[in-house]
Amino acid sequence: MAKRNRIPFLFLFVQNRPFTHRNRRAKGVVRSRTGYYAVTNINTGVLIALLLTAFGGWSLADPLISLVIALYIIKSAIGLAHESINVLMDRSLPVEIDRTIAEIVARYRTMGVRGFHDLRTRRSGSQKFIDLHLEVDRDKRFEEAHGLTVRVLRAIEAEIPRSKVHIHSDPVE
């Protein structure tokens, strides 16, 4: 392989390095690490095809590996489209989040919280939105019920990262 042919392939690997460092904290649908690994895998396939064709004399390596790369790109695109559609369709958060919220609310039973209902969750980008009705003892004064509601709200926001919580308090017997 001529020296001039090696330089572009080395560039393919090096060019993606800043991409991950610059976007390390990305939490949205497109994650920088996923993109980095996809590009690296594709570039590795291209390099293997080049080596097998140039040094191994196996002329079928290039079209076969190209087909595998095309299938990999299609699979990645379908996965990304599916995840993007879920975000756009305003789907609920995973059931684990609902369980976490139920556990947090249960911690406040001794303080006058009886439960919750009308839980609605959704996601917009990396932000999670949680809305629920908190059932508080009817005999609590307004200030006590409000303080308790704020404590539950802050506990949920502390345990579920990047969440915005809205709670409506309902008095119950």
Protein backbone atom coordinates (compact mmCIF):
# COMPACT_ATOMS: atom_id res chain seq x y z
CA MET A 1 0.00 0.00 0.00
CA ALA A 2 1.41 3.35 -0.95
CA LYS A 3 2.07 5.87 1.79
CA ARG A 4 -0.42 8.33 0.26
CA ASN A 5 -3.24 5.76 0.75
CA ARG A 6 -2.60 5.37 4.49
CA ILE A 7 -3.02 9.01 5.46
CA PRO A 8 -6.77 9.36 4.72
CA PHE A 9 -7.58 6.26 6.77
CA LEU A 10 -5.59 7.50 9.75
CA PHE A 11 -7.51 10.77 9.44
CA LEU A 12 -10.82 8.87 9.61
CA PHE A 13 -9.94 7.60 13.08
CA VAL A 14 -8.41 10.80 14.43
CA GLN A 15 -11.17 13.14 13.20
CA ASN A 16 -13.78 11.65 15.56
CA ARG A 17 -11.82 12.14 18.77
CA PRO A 18 -12.87 15.79 19.43
CA PHE A 19 -16.47 14.85 18.67
CA THR A 20 -16.76 12.81 21.88
CA HIS A 21 -14.90 15.22 24.12
CA ARG A 22 -16.89 18.24 23.00
CA ASN A 23 -20.26 16.47 23.51
CA ARG A 24 -19.44 14.28 26.50
CA ARG A 25 -22.44 15.47 28.54
CA ALA A 26 -25.02 15.15 25.74
CA LYS A 27 -28.15 13.47 27.13
CA GLY A 28 -30.64 13.95 24.29
CA VAL A 29 -31.69 11.49 21.64
CA VAL A 30 -28.39 11.66 19.75
CA ARG A 31 -25.67 10.63 22.14
CA SER A 32 -22.12 11.54 21.22
CA ARG A 33 -20.60 8.21 22.30
CA THR A 34 -23.04 6.29 20.12
CA GLY A 35 -22.08 8.41 17.13
CA TYR A 36 -18.41 7.97 17.91
CA TYR A 37 -18.67 4.18 18.05
CA ALA A 38 -20.77 4.03 14.87
CA VAL A 39 -18.24 6.07 12.90
CA THR A 40 -15.34 4.12 14.39
CA ASN A 41 -16.97 0.78 13.51
CA ILE A 42 -17.63 1.93 9.96
CA ASN A 43 -14.08 3.21 9.57
CA THR A 44 -12.72 -0.06 10.93
CA GLY A 45 -14.77 -1.96 8.35
CA VAL A 46 -13.42 0.24 5.57
CA LEU A 47 -9.85 -0.31 6.80
CA ILE A 48 -10.32 -4.09 6.97
CA ALA A 49 -11.77 -4.14 3.45
CA LEU A 50 -8.83 -2.09 2.20
CA LEU A 51 -6.29 -4.38 3.86
CA LEU A 52 -7.96 -7.58 2.64
CA THR A 53 -8.20 -6.24 -0.90
CA ALA A 54 -4.73 -4.69 -1.07
CA PHE A 55 -2.69 -7.32 0.78
CA GLY A 56 -4.89 -10.40 0.70
CA GLY A 57 -5.95 -10.13 -2.91
CA TRP A 58 -9.53 -10.94 -1.89
CA SER A 59 -11.56 -8.74 -4.22
CA LEU A 60 -14.90 -9.77 -2.64
CA ALA A 61 -13.93 -8.21 0.69
CA ASP A 62 -14.80 -4.69 -0.43
CA PRO A 63 -18.39 -5.35 -1.60
CA LEU A 64 -19.15 -7.72 1.30
CA ILE A 65 -17.91 -5.34 3.97
CA SER A 66 -19.68 -2.46 2.18
CA LEU A 67 -22.92 -4.44 2.44
CA VAL A 68 -22.35 -5.05 6.16
CA ILE A 69 -21.64 -1.34 6.68
CA ALA A 70 -24.81 -0.40 4.78
CA LEU A 71 -26.88 -2.76 6.96
CA TYR A 72 -25.24 -1.32 10.09
CA ILE A 73 -26.11 2.23 9.00
CA ILE A 74 -29.72 1.22 8.27
CA LYS A 75 -30.03 -0.48 11.68
CA SER A 76 -28.61 2.61 13.43
CA ALA A 77 -30.95 4.92 11.49
CA ILE A 78 -34.00 2.82 12.39
CA GLY A 79 -33.03 2.82 16.07
CA LEU A 80 -32.49 6.57 16.08
CA ALA A 81 -35.77 7.19 14.24
CA HIS A 82 -37.65 4.98 16.72
CA GLU A 83 -36.19 6.83 19.71
CA SER A 84 -36.90 10.23 18.10
CA ILE A 85 -40.49 9.28 17.34
CA ASN A 86 -40.99 8.21 20.96
CA VAL A 87 -39.80 11.63 22.12
CA LEU A 88 -42.04 13.44 19.64
CA MET A 89 -45.07 11.31 20.52
CA ASP A 90 -44.87 12.45 24.15
CA ARG A 91 -44.66 8.93 25.56
CA SER A 92 -44.58 8.19 29.28
CA LEU A 93 -41.30 7.67 31.08
CA PRO A 94 -40.26 4.09 31.90
CA VAL A 95 -42.16 2.18 34.61
CA GLU A 96 -39.07 2.34 36.85
CA ILE A 97 -39.63 6.09 37.19
CA ASP A 98 -43.23 5.46 38.32
CA ARG A 99 -41.94 3.00 40.92
CA THR A 100 -39.35 5.48 42.16
CA ILE A 101 -42.04 8.14 42.55
CA ALA A 102 -44.27 5.70 44.47
CA GLU A 103 -41.37 4.84 46.81
CA ILE A 104 -40.63 8.53 47.44
CA VAL A 105 -44.28 9.32 48.19
CA ALA A 106 -44.48 6.29 50.53
CA ARG A 107 -41.64 7.74 52.66
CA TYR A 108 -43.94 10.59 53.67
CA ARG A 109 -46.86 8.44 54.92
CA THR A 110 -46.03 9.11 58.56
CA MET A 111 -46.15 12.84 57.88
CA GLY A 112 -49.67 12.83 56.46
CA VAL A 113 -49.31 11.79 52.82
CA ARG A 114 -51.87 9.10 51.98
CA GLY A 115 -50.85 8.42 48.40
CA PHE A 116 -51.08 9.92 44.94
CA HIS A 117 -53.10 9.61 41.74
CA ASP A 118 -53.23 11.00 38.18
CA LEU A 119 -49.50 10.48 37.63
CA ARG A 120 -48.40 11.75 34.23
CA THR A 121 -44.83 11.61 33.01
CA ARG A 122 -43.19 12.60 29.76
CA ARG A 123 -39.86 13.61 28.32
CA SER A 124 -38.75 16.48 26.13
CA GLY A 125 -35.13 16.08 25.08
CA SER A 126 -33.16 15.37 28.24
CA GLN A 127 -35.76 17.02 30.51
CA LYS A 128 -38.31 14.83 32.34
CA PHE A 129 -41.70 16.25 33.29
CA ILE A 130 -43.67 14.71 36.16
CA ASP A 131 -47.18 15.76 37.17
CA LEU A 132 -49.22 14.16 39.96
CA HIS A 133 -51.94 14.74 42.55
CA LEU A 134 -50.69 14.20 46.09
CA GLU A 135 -53.24 12.96 48.62
CA VAL A 136 -52.71 14.77 51.94
CA ASP A 137 -54.61 14.38 55.24
CA ARG A 138 -57.62 16.68 55.27
CA ASP A 139 -56.89 17.83 58.84
CA LYS A 140 -53.54 19.39 57.84
CA ARG A 141 -53.41 23.17 57.84
CA PHE A 142 -52.79 24.80 54.47
CA GLU A 143 -49.21 25.75 55.38
CA GLU A 144 -48.43 22.22 56.59
CA ALA A 145 -49.92 20.62 53.47
CA HIS A 146 -48.01 23.03 51.26
CA GLY A 147 -44.74 22.40 53.09
CA LEU A 148 -45.24 18.66 52.83
CA THR A 149 -46.00 18.95 49.11
CA VAL A 150 -42.82 20.96 48.55
CA ARG A 151 -40.75 18.35 50.44
CA VAL A 152 -42.14 15.55 48.26
CA LEU A 153 -41.55 17.64 45.12
CA ARG A 154 -37.92 18.35 46.07
CA ALA A 155 -37.32 14.68 46.95
CA ILE A 156 -38.57 13.58 43.52
CA GLU A 157 -36.47 16.19 41.73
CA ALA A 158 -33.41 15.14 43.76
CA GLU A 159 -33.76 11.44 42.93
CA ILE A 160 -34.80 11.74 39.29
CA PRO A 161 -32.15 13.76 37.44
CA ARG A 162 -33.19 16.54 35.05
CA SER A 163 -36.81 16.44 36.19
CA LYS A 164 -39.40 19.18 36.55
CA VAL A 165 -42.13 18.18 38.98
CA HIS A 166 -45.58 19.71 39.35
CA ILE A 167 -47.74 18.52 42.28
CA HIS A 168 -51.34 19.36 43.05
CA SER A 169 -52.37 18.59 46.64
CA ASP A 170 -55.76 16.95 47.27
CA PRO A 171 -57.19 16.69 50.80
CA VAL A 172 -58.38 13.17 51.68
CA GLU A 173 -60.00 11.51 54.72
